[in-house]
Amino acid sequence: MELKTVGTAGTPESRPEELQWKDKVVAIFEARGGTILDVVREIKPYEL
């Protein structure tokens, strides 16, 4: 059986564009002691 290359995974051309973030915080990750570990921001709509 012959193997063929189907895609170009891992090349810069095949990677999706970086996400664009809004300033609105939609979630906060907080440790039990009250320390803020991370925040999640709203994603801007994708435009072609």
PDB file of N, CA and C in Angstrom:
ATOM      1  N   MET A   1       0.846  -1.173   0.000  1.00  0.00           N
ATOM      2  CA  MET A   1       0.000   0.000   0.000  1.00  0.00           C
ATOM      3  C   MET A   1       0.891   1.235   0.000  1.00  0.00           C
ATOM      4  N   GLU A   2       0.557   2.204  -0.821  1.00  0.00           N
ATOM      5  CA  GLU A   2       1.347   3.427  -0.939  1.00  0.00           C
ATOM      6  C   GLU A   2       0.826   4.500   0.024  1.00  0.00           C
ATOM      7  N   LEU A   3       1.745   5.162   0.731  1.00  0.00           N
ATOM      8  CA  LEU A   3       1.371   6.239   1.651  1.00  0.00           C
ATOM      9  C   LEU A   3       1.455   7.574   0.929  1.00  0.00           C
ATOM     10  N   LYS A   4       0.489   8.442   1.208  1.00  0.00           N
ATOM     11  CA  LYS A   4       0.474   9.765   0.596  1.00  0.00           C
ATOM     12  C   LYS A   4       0.373  10.827   1.682  1.00  0.00           C
ATOM     13  N   THR A   5       0.980  11.974   1.453  1.00  0.00           N
ATOM     14  CA  THR A   5       0.851  13.101   2.362  1.00  0.00           C
ATOM     15  C   THR A   5      -0.471  13.792   2.058  1.00  0.00           C
ATOM     16  N   VAL A   6      -1.320  13.917   3.083  1.00  0.00           N
ATOM     17  CA  VAL A   6      -2.649  14.483   2.879  1.00  0.00           C
ATOM     18  C   VAL A   6      -2.693  15.949   3.270  1.00  0.00           C
ATOM     19  N   GLY A   7      -2.020  16.329   4.340  1.00  0.00           N
ATOM     20  CA  GLY A   7      -2.087  17.712   4.807  1.00  0.00           C
ATOM     21  C   GLY A   7      -0.720  18.265   5.126  1.00  0.00           C
ATOM     22  N   THR A   8      -0.730  19.488   5.633  1.00  0.00           N
ATOM     23  CA  THR A   8       0.526  20.149   5.998  1.00  0.00           C
ATOM     24  C   THR A   8       0.478  20.574   7.458  1.00  0.00           C
ATOM     25  N   ALA A   9      -0.006  19.696   8.318  1.00  0.00           N
ATOM     26  CA  ALA A   9      -0.129  20.030   9.740  1.00  0.00           C
ATOM     27  C   ALA A   9       1.219  20.430  10.320  1.00  0.00           C
ATOM     28  N   GLY A  10       1.211  21.478  11.108  1.00  0.00           N
ATOM     29  CA  GLY A  10       2.429  21.917  11.766  1.00  0.00           C
ATOM     30  C   GLY A  10       3.198  22.981  11.030  1.00  0.00           C
ATOM     31  N   THR A  11       2.823  23.280   9.802  1.00  0.00           N
ATOM     32  CA  THR A  11       3.509  24.338   9.071  1.00  0.00           C
ATOM     33  C   THR A  11       2.848  25.676   9.399  1.00  0.00           C
ATOM     34  N   PRO A  12       3.571  26.772   9.317  1.00  0.00           N
ATOM     35  CA  PRO A  12       2.987  28.080   9.643  1.00  0.00           C
ATOM     36  C   PRO A  12       1.739  28.409   8.810  1.00  0.00           C
ATOM     37  N   GLU A  13       1.685  27.936   7.581  1.00  0.00           N
ATOM     38  CA  GLU A  13       0.533  28.222   6.726  1.00  0.00           C
ATOM     39  C   GLU A  13      -0.717  27.494   7.189  1.00  0.00           C
ATOM     40  N   SER A  14      -0.576  26.364   7.888  1.00  0.00           N
ATOM     41  CA  SER A  14      -1.728  25.567   8.293  1.00  0.00           C
ATOM     42  C   SER A  14      -2.268  25.953   9.663  1.00  0.00           C
ATOM     43  N   ARG A  15      -1.558  26.785  10.397  1.00  0.00           N
ATOM     44  CA  ARG A  15      -2.009  27.169  11.739  1.00  0.00           C
ATOM     45  C   ARG A  15      -3.080  28.247  11.666  1.00  0.00           C
ATOM     46  N   PRO A  16      -4.097  28.164  12.546  1.00  0.00           N
ATOM     47  CA  PRO A  16      -5.124  29.212  12.549  1.00  0.00           C
ATOM     48  C   PRO A  16      -4.557  30.521  13.095  1.00  0.00           C
ATOM     49  N   GLU A  17      -5.232  31.609  12.808  1.00  0.00           N
ATOM     50  CA  GLU A  17      -4.802  32.910  13.324  1.00  0.00           C
ATOM     51  C   GLU A  17      -4.967  32.942  14.837  1.00  0.00           C
ATOM     52  N   GLU A  18      -4.190  33.788  15.489  1.00  0.00           N
ATOM     53  CA  GLU A  18      -4.303  33.950  16.936  1.00  0.00           C
ATOM     54  C   GLU A  18      -5.664  34.537  17.276  1.00  0.00           C
ATOM     55  N   LEU A  19      -6.205  34.148  18.438  1.00  0.00           N
ATOM     56  CA  LEU A  19      -7.484  34.679  18.887  1.00  0.00           C
ATOM     57  C   LEU A  19      -7.341  36.140  19.301  1.00  0.00           C
ATOM     58  N   GLN A  20      -8.382  36.888  19.081  1.00  0.00           N
ATOM     59  CA  GLN A  20      -8.448  38.278  19.518  1.00  0.00           C
ATOM     60  C   GLN A  20      -9.308  38.321  20.781  1.00  0.00           C
ATOM     61  N   TRP A  21      -8.856  39.021  21.804  1.00  0.00           N
ATOM     62  CA  TRP A  21      -9.549  39.056  23.089  1.00  0.00           C
ATOM     63  C   TRP A  21     -10.163  40.423  23.337  1.00  0.00           C
ATOM     64  N   LYS A  22     -11.360  40.444  23.965  1.00  0.00           N
ATOM     65  CA  LYS A  22     -11.980  41.682  24.425  1.00  0.00           C
ATOM     66  C   LYS A  22     -11.467  41.953  25.838  1.00  0.00           C
ATOM     67  N   ASP A  23     -11.806  43.112  26.386  1.00  0.00           N
ATOM     68  CA  ASP A  23     -11.376  43.451  27.744  1.00  0.00           C
ATOM     69  C   ASP A  23     -12.270  42.836  28.819  1.00  0.00           C
ATOM     70  N   LYS A  24     -13.453  42.365  28.431  1.00  0.00           N
ATOM     71  CA  LYS A  24     -14.410  41.839  29.394  1.00  0.00           C
ATOM     72  C   LYS A  24     -13.929  40.512  29.991  1.00  0.00           C
ATOM     73  N   VAL A  25     -13.836  40.449  31.320  1.00  0.00           N
ATOM     74  CA  VAL A  25     -13.457  39.225  32.033  1.00  0.00           C
ATOM     75  C   VAL A  25     -14.721  38.406  32.255  1.00  0.00           C
ATOM     76  N   VAL A  26     -14.710  37.140  31.816  1.00  0.00           N
ATOM     77  CA  VAL A  26     -15.892  36.284  31.951  1.00  0.00           C
ATOM     78  C   VAL A  26     -15.720  35.213  33.034  1.00  0.00           C
ATOM     79  N   ALA A  27     -14.497  34.993  33.512  1.00  0.00           N
ATOM     80  CA  ALA A  27     -14.260  34.032  34.588  1.00  0.00           C
ATOM     81  C   ALA A  27     -12.961  34.379  35.309  1.00  0.00           C
ATOM     82  N   ILE A  28     -12.938  34.068  36.604  1.00  0.00           N
ATOM     83  CA  ILE A  28     -11.747  34.297  37.426  1.00  0.00           C
ATOM     84  C   ILE A  28     -11.419  32.992  38.148  1.00  0.00           C
ATOM     85  N   PHE A  29     -10.173  32.563  38.058  1.00  0.00           N
ATOM     86  CA  PHE A  29      -9.714  31.382  38.785  1.00  0.00           C
ATOM     87  C   PHE A  29      -9.034  31.862  40.060  1.00  0.00           C
ATOM     88  N   GLU A  30      -9.578  31.446  41.183  1.00  0.00           N
ATOM     89  CA  GLU A  30      -9.106  31.928  42.476  1.00  0.00           C
ATOM     90  C   GLU A  30      -8.755  30.734  43.365  1.00  0.00           C
ATOM     91  N   ALA A  31      -7.605  30.807  44.023  1.00  0.00           N
ATOM     92  CA  ALA A  31      -7.184  29.758  44.962  1.00  0.00           C
ATOM     93  C   ALA A  31      -7.998  29.883  46.250  1.00  0.00           C
ATOM     94  N   ARG A  32      -7.974  28.877  47.050  1.00  0.00           N
ATOM     95  CA  ARG A  32      -8.734  28.888  48.311  1.00  0.00           C
ATOM     96  C   ARG A  32      -8.325  30.027  49.223  1.00  0.00           C
ATOM     97  N   GLY A  33      -7.080  30.438  49.153  1.00  0.00           N
ATOM     98  CA  GLY A  33      -6.603  31.525  50.005  1.00  0.00           C
ATOM     99  C   GLY A  33      -6.966  32.904  49.479  1.00  0.00           C
ATOM    100  N   GLY A  34      -7.620  32.977  48.319  1.00  0.00           N
ATOM    101  CA  GLY A  34      -8.030  34.250  47.760  1.00  0.00           C
ATOM    102  C   GLY A  34      -7.102  34.789  46.684  1.00  0.00           C
ATOM    103  N   THR A  35      -6.018  34.084  46.405  1.00  0.00           N
ATOM    104  CA  THR A  35      -5.084  34.526  45.377  1.00  0.00           C
ATOM    105  C   THR A  35      -5.692  34.306  43.994  1.00  0.00           C
ATOM    106  N   ILE A  36      -5.663  35.351  43.148  1.00  0.00           N
ATOM    107  CA  ILE A  36      -6.137  35.224  41.773  1.00  0.00           C
ATOM    108  C   ILE A  36      -5.078  34.477  40.971  1.00  0.00           C
ATOM    109  N   LEU A  37      -5.463  33.349  40.365  1.00  0.00           N
ATOM    110  CA  LEU A  37      -4.527  32.541  39.590  1.00  0.00           C
ATOM    111  C   LEU A  37      -4.549  32.914  38.119  1.00  0.00           C
ATOM    112  N   ASP A  38      -5.747  33.176  37.589  1.00  0.00           N
ATOM    113  CA  ASP A  38      -5.870  33.471  36.159  1.00  0.00           C
ATOM    114  C   ASP A  38      -7.244  34.070  35.896  1.00  0.00           C
ATOM    115  N   VAL A  39      -7.393  34.696  34.733  1.00  0.00           N
ATOM    116  CA  VAL A  39      -8.690  35.201  34.297  1.00  0.00           C
ATOM    117  C   VAL A  39      -8.940  34.740  32.862  1.00  0.00           C
ATOM    118  N   VAL A  40     -10.219  34.633  32.503  1.00  0.00           N
ATOM    119  CA  VAL A  40     -10.622  34.270  31.146  1.00  0.00           C
ATOM    120  C   VAL A  40     -11.355  35.468  30.574  1.00  0.00           C
ATOM    121  N   ARG A  41     -10.915  35.904  29.391  1.00  0.00           N
ATOM    122  CA  ARG A  41     -11.533  37.061  28.740  1.00  0.00           C
ATOM    123  C   ARG A  41     -12.407  36.608  27.579  1.00  0.00           C
ATOM    124  N   GLU A  42     -13.380  37.455  27.240  1.00  0.00           N
ATOM    125  CA  GLU A  42     -14.281  37.175  26.134  1.00  0.00           C
ATOM    126  C   GLU A  42     -13.515  37.231  24.811  1.00  0.00           C
ATOM    127  N   ILE A  43     -13.862  36.339  23.892  1.00  0.00           N
ATOM    128  CA  ILE A  43     -13.217  36.288  22.581  1.00  0.00           C
ATOM    129  C   ILE A  43     -13.972  37.176  21.604  1.00  0.00           C
ATOM    130  N   LYS A  44     -13.230  37.953  20.802  1.00  0.00           N
ATOM    131  CA  LYS A  44     -13.854  38.773  19.772  1.00  0.00           C
ATOM    132  C   LYS A  44     -14.375  37.869  18.667  1.00  0.00           C
ATOM    133  N   PRO A  45     -15.490  38.249  18.027  1.00  0.00           N
ATOM    134  CA  PRO A  45     -16.016  37.438  16.918  1.00  0.00           C
ATOM    135  C   PRO A  45     -14.983  37.342  15.792  1.00  0.00           C
ATOM    136  N   TYR A  46     -14.936  36.191  15.147  1.00  0.00           N
ATOM    137  CA  TYR A  46     -14.003  35.964  14.050  1.00  0.00           C
ATOM    138  C   TYR A  46     -14.531  36.621  12.788  1.00  0.00           C
ATOM    139  N   GLU A  47     -13.697  37.375  12.113  1.00  0.00           N
ATOM    140  CA  GLU A  47     -14.081  38.045  10.877  1.00  0.00           C
ATOM    141  C   GLU A  47     -13.180  37.561   9.740  1.00  0.00           C
ATOM    142  N   LEU A  48     -13.801  37.213   8.630  1.00  0.00           N
ATOM    143  CA  LEU A  48     -13.036  36.753   7.475  1.00  0.00           C
ATOM    144  C   LEU A  48     -12.446  37.897   6.711  1.00  0.00           C
TER     145      LEU A  48
END
